[in-house]
């Protein structure tokens, strides 16, 4: 692994084979410069990958087939076989088989991530319906991985160059959102962000913006009282604890005015409240990061893209950004651990001698710049 090769080893789950997952993976590693940063290992089948590549008429590319991780070639994109089944690709149409194989890939990659055999996991998009089974009863990757790592405190954090957004409630029907909100849950999430942004992004004292739940923040209680009852009180208590948190803000004016640029992270009350502006601003370049796990997991911020699968027009930009973010997160966590490990060294010496951590997603995006637009469904 890293100690042996000096490079970050990234595991990749293939997602739904009939979507655009394999296309964006292949397109990313067509640029050999990416291999200077990572040793990628795809959990799938070499035969299936070859059939997918031929279906898209992608030439001059092949995966290096390996039987165990130790055999991964640091100068190639590698594939480790996790099934021997005969696969029938029906690009653009989900099937029971594509759901079953997506789960096999995810399970194998997750097992190696938990065992420390890979340094990070990138998950290609799954179909949340056809992957459901006795072994997978989750609304998405985030909840599955939190269960696998037995992590109670975690967050789906959407990341781009100009915006970070997370949610009080994620994959939840809108009718259930209000029932899940409370003073305790909001202040807990604020404290979570205050702890994790320094570790993951090197932001020493993050500025956190909190959105209200109701239109116009409830208009003084006329349109809802949640802001007065527990959102504002939770913000007030967190401020008293020394956290740089502000709000609540009405979501429309907050994003429309560009106020989000003044903060390191935005805490939305529900899924679409945060994701609609995020994807409007960053559709091709956003990354989904599962904060709070002991290991790094990222994914592109789009879905299976069945509507464009097999057409060869899917953009790999978001997947490539996810790869770069995984690298940054691993390195930032290492810096944070190094910076905080020597508890006997005076803080003044640490500040004068240590490198200043910072949000680092800018330095490694020179590898490629193919930016195409596509219409894909959400992951």
Protein backbone atom coordinates (compact mmCIF):
# COMPACT_ATOMS: atom_id res chain seq x y z
CA UNK A 1 0.00 0.00 0.00
CA UNK A 2 1.21 3.58 0.57
CA UNK A 3 4.19 2.62 2.66
CA UNK A 4 5.26 0.17 -0.01
CA UNK A 5 4.63 2.18 -3.19
CA UNK A 6 4.60 5.74 -1.90
CA UNK A 7 1.31 6.32 -3.72
CA UNK A 8 -2.26 6.47 -2.54
CA UNK A 9 -4.19 3.30 -3.36
CA UNK A 10 -7.79 4.09 -4.25
CA UNK A 11 -10.49 1.44 -4.46
CA UNK A 12 -13.41 2.04 -6.81
CA UNK A 13 -16.81 0.36 -6.72
CA UNK A 14 -18.32 0.07 -10.19
CA UNK A 15 -21.88 1.17 -9.44
CA UNK A 16 -24.70 0.06 -11.72
CA UNK A 17 -23.18 -1.47 -14.84
CA UNK A 18 -25.99 -0.20 -17.06
CA UNK A 19 -25.40 3.40 -16.06
CA UNK A 20 -22.51 5.76 -16.79
CA UNK A 21 -20.27 4.58 -13.93
CA UNK A 22 -17.79 2.56 -15.97
CA UNK A 23 -17.71 5.23 -18.66
CA UNK A 24 -16.63 8.02 -16.31
CA UNK A 25 -14.11 5.71 -14.63
CA UNK A 26 -12.49 4.73 -17.93
CA UNK A 27 -12.45 8.32 -19.19
CA UNK A 28 -10.73 9.48 -16.00
CA UNK A 29 -7.87 7.02 -16.35
CA UNK A 30 -7.45 7.55 -20.07
CA UNK A 31 -5.31 10.49 -18.90
CA UNK A 32 -2.13 8.80 -17.68
CA UNK A 33 -1.13 11.84 -15.64
CA UNK A 34 -3.71 10.85 -13.04
CA UNK A 35 -1.69 7.69 -12.38
CA UNK A 36 1.16 9.83 -11.08
CA UNK A 37 -1.03 10.57 -8.04
CA UNK A 38 -2.80 7.27 -7.32
CA UNK A 39 -2.87 3.54 -7.88
CA UNK A 40 -6.51 2.82 -8.79
CA UNK A 41 -8.18 -0.55 -8.26
CA UNK A 42 -11.65 -1.16 -9.69
CA UNK A 43 -13.77 -3.86 -8.06
CA UNK A 44 -15.61 -5.45 -10.97
CA UNK A 45 -14.80 -7.94 -13.74
CA UNK A 46 -12.21 -7.50 -16.46
CA UNK A 47 -14.47 -9.21 -18.99
CA UNK A 48 -17.42 -6.96 -18.20
CA UNK A 49 -15.22 -3.87 -18.37
CA UNK A 50 -13.94 -4.91 -21.78
CA UNK A 51 -17.47 -5.40 -23.08
CA UNK A 52 -18.50 -1.99 -21.75
CA UNK A 53 -15.50 -0.32 -23.38
CA UNK A 54 -16.27 -1.96 -26.72
CA UNK A 55 -19.92 -0.94 -26.51
CA UNK A 56 -18.81 2.68 -26.19
CA UNK A 57 -16.06 2.29 -28.79
CA UNK A 58 -13.47 3.57 -26.33
CA UNK A 59 -10.09 2.60 -27.76
CA UNK A 60 -6.51 2.58 -26.49
CA UNK A 61 -7.50 1.62 -22.95
CA UNK A 62 -7.57 -1.56 -20.89
CA UNK A 63 -7.49 -2.42 -17.20
CA UNK A 64 -4.63 -4.40 -15.71
CA UNK A 65 -6.27 -7.55 -14.34
CA UNK A 66 -5.09 -8.63 -10.87
CA UNK A 67 -6.06 -11.38 -8.44
CA UNK A 68 -4.99 -9.63 -5.23
CA UNK A 69 -4.35 -6.03 -4.23
CA UNK A 70 -0.65 -6.61 -3.72
CA UNK A 71 -0.32 -7.20 -7.46
CA UNK A 72 -1.70 -3.78 -8.42
CA UNK A 73 0.49 -2.04 -10.99
CA UNK A 74 1.13 1.55 -9.81
CA UNK A 75 1.43 2.68 -13.44
CA UNK A 76 -1.89 1.20 -14.60
CA UNK A 77 -5.57 1.30 -13.78
CA UNK A 78 -6.20 -2.10 -12.21
CA UNK A 79 -9.29 -4.30 -11.97
CA UNK A 80 -9.79 -7.07 -9.46
CA UNK A 81 -12.44 -9.64 -10.36
CA UNK A 82 -15.25 -9.91 -7.80
CA UNK A 83 -17.60 -11.98 -9.97
CA UNK A 84 -17.35 -14.60 -12.71
CA UNK A 85 -20.97 -14.33 -13.83
CA UNK A 86 -21.92 -13.92 -17.45
CA UNK A 87 -23.16 -10.37 -17.67
CA UNK A 88 -25.62 -9.00 -20.18
CA UNK A 89 -25.21 -5.24 -20.50
CA UNK A 90 -28.40 -3.32 -21.26
CA UNK A 91 -27.03 0.21 -21.16
CA UNK A 92 -29.63 2.68 -20.01
CA UNK A 93 -31.88 0.05 -18.42
CA UNK A 94 -31.44 -1.15 -14.80
CA UNK A 95 -31.76 -4.88 -14.20
CA UNK A 96 -31.82 -7.19 -11.23
CA UNK A 97 -28.38 -8.47 -12.19
CA UNK A 98 -26.83 -5.00 -12.44
CA UNK A 99 -28.13 -4.26 -8.93
CA UNK A 100 -26.71 -7.50 -7.55
CA UNK A 101 -23.29 -6.89 -9.09
CA UNK A 102 -23.21 -3.28 -7.91
CA UNK A 103 -23.66 -4.61 -4.38
CA UNK A 104 -20.95 -7.25 -4.82
CA UNK A 105 -18.52 -4.59 -5.94
CA UNK A 106 -19.42 -2.28 -3.06
CA UNK A 107 -19.15 -5.06 -0.47
CA UNK A 108 -15.72 -6.16 -1.67
CA UNK A 109 -14.35 -2.61 -1.80
CA UNK A 110 -15.80 -1.75 1.61
CA UNK A 111 -14.25 -4.84 3.17
CA UNK A 112 -10.80 -3.82 1.91
CA UNK A 113 -11.33 -0.23 3.08
CA UNK A 114 -12.22 -1.45 6.57
CA UNK A 115 -9.16 -3.71 6.57
CA UNK A 116 -6.88 -0.83 5.59
CA UNK A 117 -5.90 -2.48 2.31
CA UNK A 118 -6.91 0.60 0.33
CA UNK A 119 -6.50 4.22 1.38
CA UNK A 120 -9.80 5.58 0.08
CA UNK A 121 -12.99 4.47 -1.63
CA UNK A 122 -14.69 6.13 -4.61
CA UNK A 123 -18.19 4.84 -5.25
CA UNK A 124 -19.70 5.04 -8.73
CA UNK A 125 -23.47 5.70 -8.78
CA UNK A 126 -25.91 2.95 -7.83
CA UNK A 127 -29.61 2.56 -8.51
CA UNK A 128 -31.23 2.80 -5.09
CA UNK A 129 -34.09 0.55 -6.18
CA UNK A 130 -32.47 -2.44 -7.88
CA UNK A 131 -29.69 -2.73 -5.28
CA UNK A 132 -32.17 -3.35 -2.46
CA UNK A 133 -31.93 -6.84 -0.97
CA UNK A 134 -31.64 -8.68 2.32
CA UNK A 135 -28.04 -7.49 2.47
CA UNK A 136 -28.73 -3.89 1.46
CA UNK A 137 -31.67 -2.10 3.07
CA UNK A 138 -30.38 1.45 2.98
CA UNK A 139 -31.43 4.63 1.17
CA UNK A 140 -27.92 5.05 -0.23
CA UNK A 141 -24.14 4.65 0.06
CA UNK A 142 -23.85 7.03 3.00
CA UNK A 143 -26.07 5.06 5.34
CA UNK A 144 -24.62 1.72 4.22
CA UNK A 145 -21.05 2.80 4.93
CA UNK A 146 -21.97 4.36 8.26
CA UNK A 147 -23.50 1.01 9.25
CA UNK A 148 -20.47 -0.95 8.05
CA UNK A 149 -18.12 1.25 10.09
CA UNK A 150 -20.56 1.34 13.02
CA UNK A 151 -20.47 5.14 12.94
CA UNK A 152 -23.31 6.98 14.63
CA UNK A 153 -22.20 10.52 13.79
CA UNK A 154 -21.71 11.16 10.09
CA UNK A 155 -22.81 13.55 7.37
CA UNK A 156 -23.28 13.69 3.61
CA UNK A 157 -21.11 16.68 2.76
CA UNK A 158 -21.29 18.11 -0.76
CA UNK A 159 -18.00 19.74 -1.72
CA UNK A 160 -16.89 22.06 -4.53
CA UNK A 161 -14.37 24.85 -4.94
CA UNK A 162 -16.82 27.53 -3.84
CA UNK A 163 -19.32 25.76 -1.61
CA UNK A 164 -19.68 23.06 1.04
CA UNK A 165 -23.19 21.98 2.02
CA UNK A 166 -24.47 19.40 4.46
CA UNK A 167 -27.92 18.52 5.77
CA UNK A 168 -29.80 17.97 8.99
CA UNK A 169 -31.86 15.33 7.20
CA UNK A 170 -30.71 13.48 4.09
CA UNK A 171 -32.61 10.79 2.22
CA UNK A 172 -35.90 11.38 3.99
CA UNK A 173 -39.43 12.17 2.75
CA UNK A 174 -40.18 15.86 3.09
CA UNK A 175 -43.19 15.12 5.31
CA UNK A 176 -40.84 13.58 7.88
CA UNK A 177 -38.25 16.39 8.01
CA UNK A 178 -39.83 18.48 10.77
CA UNK A 179 -40.20 15.46 13.04
CA UNK A 180 -36.43 14.83 12.92
CA UNK A 181 -35.37 18.35 13.89
CA UNK A 182 -34.74 19.48 17.46
CA UNK A 183 -32.50 21.73 19.53
CA UNK A 184 -30.36 18.72 20.42
CA UNK A 185 -29.97 17.39 16.87
CA UNK A 186 -29.05 20.80 15.42
CA UNK A 187 -26.44 21.67 18.02
CA UNK A 188 -25.00 18.18 17.69
CA UNK A 189 -24.55 18.65 13.92
CA UNK A 190 -23.01 22.11 14.41
CA UNK A 191 -20.45 20.67 16.84
CA UNK A 192 -19.78 17.81 14.41
CA UNK A 193 -18.90 20.28 11.66
CA UNK A 194 -16.74 22.34 13.99
CA UNK A 195 -14.72 19.20 14.82
CA UNK A 196 -14.44 17.70 11.37
CA UNK A 197 -13.68 20.61 9.05
CA UNK A 198 -10.29 21.26 10.70
CA UNK A 199 -9.38 17.58 10.37
CA UNK A 200 -10.59 17.07 6.81
CA UNK A 201 -10.01 20.46 5.19
CA UNK A 202 -7.50 22.22 7.44
CA UNK A 203 -9.95 25.00 8.28
CA UNK A 204 -8.86 25.89 11.81
CA UNK A 205 -11.98 27.79 12.90
CA UNK A 206 -14.75 27.12 10.37
CA UNK A 207 -17.51 29.66 9.78
CA UNK A 208 -20.81 27.77 9.72
CA UNK A 209 -24.05 29.12 8.22
CA UNK A 210 -27.35 27.54 9.31
CA UNK A 211 -30.48 27.79 7.15
CA UNK A 212 -33.99 28.07 8.47
CA UNK A 213 -36.67 25.49 7.76
CA UNK A 214 -39.63 27.60 6.66
CA UNK A 215 -40.06 30.24 3.93
CA UNK A 216 -38.66 33.59 5.10
CA UNK A 217 -37.51 31.92 8.33
CA UNK A 218 -41.17 31.57 9.33
CA UNK A 219 -41.92 35.31 9.14
CA UNK A 220 -41.92 35.65 12.90
CA UNK A 221 -43.99 32.53 13.40
CA UNK A 222 -46.66 33.18 10.77
CA UNK A 223 -45.22 30.54 8.40
CA UNK A 224 -43.80 28.23 11.04
CA UNK A 225 -42.19 28.43 14.47
CA UNK A 226 -39.25 26.01 14.25
CA UNK A 227 -36.74 28.84 13.80
CA UNK A 228 -37.85 30.51 17.02
CA UNK A 229 -38.39 27.34 19.00
CA UNK A 230 -35.10 25.49 18.45
CA UNK A 231 -33.02 26.51 15.40
CA UNK A 232 -32.06 29.98 16.65
CA UNK A 233 -31.60 28.77 20.26
CA UNK A 234 -29.23 26.01 19.07
CA UNK A 235 -27.18 28.57 17.15
CA UNK A 236 -27.08 30.84 20.20
CA UNK A 237 -25.85 28.00 22.45
CA UNK A 238 -23.17 26.96 19.94
CA UNK A 239 -21.95 30.57 19.78
CA UNK A 240 -21.69 30.62 23.56
CA UNK A 241 -19.51 27.52 23.27
CA UNK A 242 -17.10 29.43 21.01
CA UNK A 243 -18.23 28.10 17.62
CA UNK A 244 -18.38 30.52 14.68
CA UNK A 245 -21.95 29.78 13.64
CA UNK A 246 -24.48 32.19 12.16
CA UNK A 247 -28.13 32.26 11.13
CA UNK A 248 -30.73 31.09 10.65
CA UNK A 249 -30.87 32.37 7.09
CA UNK A 250 -33.75 32.17 4.66
CA UNK A 251 -32.42 29.84 1.95
CA UNK A 252 -33.63 31.79 -1.10
CA UNK A 253 -31.99 35.08 -0.18
CA UNK A 254 -28.92 33.37 1.23
CA UNK A 255 -28.02 31.68 -2.03
CA UNK A 256 -29.50 34.30 -4.33
CA UNK A 257 -27.40 37.10 -2.80
CA UNK A 258 -24.19 35.06 -2.84
CA UNK A 259 -23.94 35.18 0.97
CA UNK A 260 -22.82 31.54 0.94
CA UNK A 261 -19.40 32.75 -0.22
CA UNK A 262 -18.76 34.16 3.25
CA UNK A 263 -18.88 30.77 4.97
CA UNK A 264 -16.87 27.56 5.04
CA UNK A 265 -19.91 25.29 5.22
CA UNK A 266 -23.68 25.61 5.00
CA UNK A 267 -26.01 23.49 7.14
CA UNK A 268 -29.33 22.99 5.33
CA UNK A 269 -32.38 21.59 7.06
CA UNK A 270 -33.26 19.09 4.34
CA UNK A 271 -31.95 17.46 1.18
CA UNK A 272 -33.28 19.63 -1.66
CA UNK A 273 -32.87 22.88 0.26
CA UNK A 274 -29.11 22.43 0.02
CA UNK A 275 -28.72 20.28 -3.08
CA UNK A 276 -30.71 22.37 -5.54
CA UNK A 277 -28.44 25.43 -5.17
CA UNK A 278 -25.35 23.24 -4.90
CA UNK A 279 -26.03 21.42 -8.16
CA UNK A 280 -27.12 24.59 -9.89
CA UNK A 281 -23.72 26.09 -9.09
CA UNK A 282 -21.56 22.96 -9.41
CA UNK A 283 -23.33 20.27 -11.40
CA UNK A 284 -20.28 18.92 -13.23
CA UNK A 285 -17.79 19.52 -10.43
CA UNK A 286 -19.42 18.60 -7.14
CA UNK A 287 -18.29 15.75 -4.91
CA UNK A 288 -20.22 13.79 -2.30
CA UNK A 289 -18.07 13.12 0.78
CA UNK A 290 -19.10 11.02 3.78
CA UNK A 291 -17.74 13.01 6.72
CA UNK A 292 -17.30 11.30 10.06
CA UNK A 293 -16.07 7.91 8.85
CA UNK A 294 -12.66 6.69 10.03
CA UNK A 295 -11.76 6.18 6.34
CA UNK A 296 -12.21 8.36 3.26
CA UNK A 297 -15.18 7.77 0.95
CA UNK A 298 -16.17 10.07 -1.90
CA UNK A 299 -18.32 9.87 -5.01
CA UNK A 300 -19.41 12.04 -7.93
CA UNK A 301 -22.46 14.14 -7.10
CA UNK A 302 -24.64 12.70 -9.88
CA UNK A 303 -26.52 9.48 -10.38
CA UNK A 304 -26.55 6.57 -12.79
CA UNK A 305 -27.40 8.71 -15.82
CA UNK A 306 -29.47 6.03 -17.52
CA UNK A 307 -30.77 8.62 -19.99
CA UNK A 308 -27.29 9.09 -21.49
CA UNK A 309 -25.76 5.67 -20.75
CA UNK A 310 -24.21 4.07 -23.82
CA UNK A 311 -24.05 7.33 -25.77
CA UNK A 312 -20.43 8.14 -24.90
CA UNK A 313 -21.24 11.69 -23.78
CA UNK A 314 -21.03 11.41 -19.98
CA UNK A 315 -18.62 13.85 -18.37
CA UNK A 316 -16.00 12.42 -16.02
CA UNK A 317 -15.38 15.80 -14.35
CA UNK A 318 -17.21 15.05 -11.10
CA UNK A 319 -15.58 11.62 -10.77
CA UNK A 320 -12.16 13.15 -11.40
CA UNK A 321 -12.86 15.84 -8.80
CA UNK A 322 -13.86 13.10 -6.36
CA UNK A 323 -10.51 11.42 -6.96
CA UNK A 324 -8.60 14.65 -6.33
CA UNK A 325 -10.64 15.36 -3.21
CA UNK A 326 -9.87 11.88 -1.85
CA UNK A 327 -6.16 12.60 -2.23
CA UNK A 328 -6.52 15.96 -0.48
CA UNK A 329 -8.56 14.48 2.37
CA UNK A 330 -6.01 11.75 3.05
CA UNK A 331 -3.13 14.21 3.09
CA UNK A 332 -5.03 16.74 5.20
CA UNK A 333 -5.92 14.08 7.75
CA UNK A 334 -2.27 13.09 7.95
CA UNK A 335 -1.25 16.72 8.50
CA UNK A 336 -3.91 17.16 11.15
CA UNK A 337 -2.78 14.03 12.97
CA UNK A 338 0.83 15.16 12.83
CA UNK A 339 -0.07 18.66 13.98
CA UNK A 340 -2.16 17.47 16.95
CA UNK A 341 -0.23 14.35 18.00
CA UNK A 342 2.60 16.00 19.94
CA UNK A 343 0.62 17.15 22.95
CA UNK A 344 3.80 18.00 24.88
CA UNK A 345 4.96 20.60 22.36
CA UNK A 346 3.80 24.13 23.29
CA UNK A 347 1.11 25.51 21.02
CA UNK A 348 3.26 28.53 20.19
CA UNK A 349 5.98 26.24 18.82
CA UNK A 350 3.45 24.26 16.80
CA UNK A 351 2.13 27.41 15.20
CA UNK A 352 5.57 28.68 14.30
CA UNK A 353 7.05 25.41 13.07
CA UNK A 354 4.16 23.50 11.49
CA UNK A 355 2.84 23.92 8.00
CA UNK A 356 -0.43 25.77 7.92
CA UNK A 357 -3.19 23.41 6.83
CA UNK A 358 -5.65 24.78 4.32
CA UNK A 359 -8.44 23.75 1.99
CA UNK A 360 -6.37 22.13 -0.81
CA UNK A 361 -8.59 21.18 -3.71
CA UNK A 362 -6.90 23.54 -6.15
CA UNK A 363 -3.43 22.15 -6.75
CA UNK A 364 -4.12 18.88 -8.45
CA UNK A 365 -6.67 19.72 -11.14
CA UNK A 366 -4.15 20.07 -13.95
CA UNK A 367 -4.51 16.44 -14.96
CA UNK A 368 -7.32 17.03 -17.43
CA UNK A 369 -9.97 19.56 -18.33
CA UNK A 370 -12.54 17.86 -20.53
CA UNK A 371 -15.75 19.50 -19.38
CA UNK A 372 -18.86 18.19 -21.05
CA UNK A 373 -22.43 18.73 -20.02
CA UNK A 374 -24.81 15.90 -19.42
CA UNK A 375 -28.22 15.25 -17.96
CA UNK A 376 -28.02 12.72 -15.18
CA UNK A 377 -30.23 11.84 -12.25
CA UNK A 378 -29.07 12.37 -8.68
CA UNK A 379 -26.99 9.73 -6.93
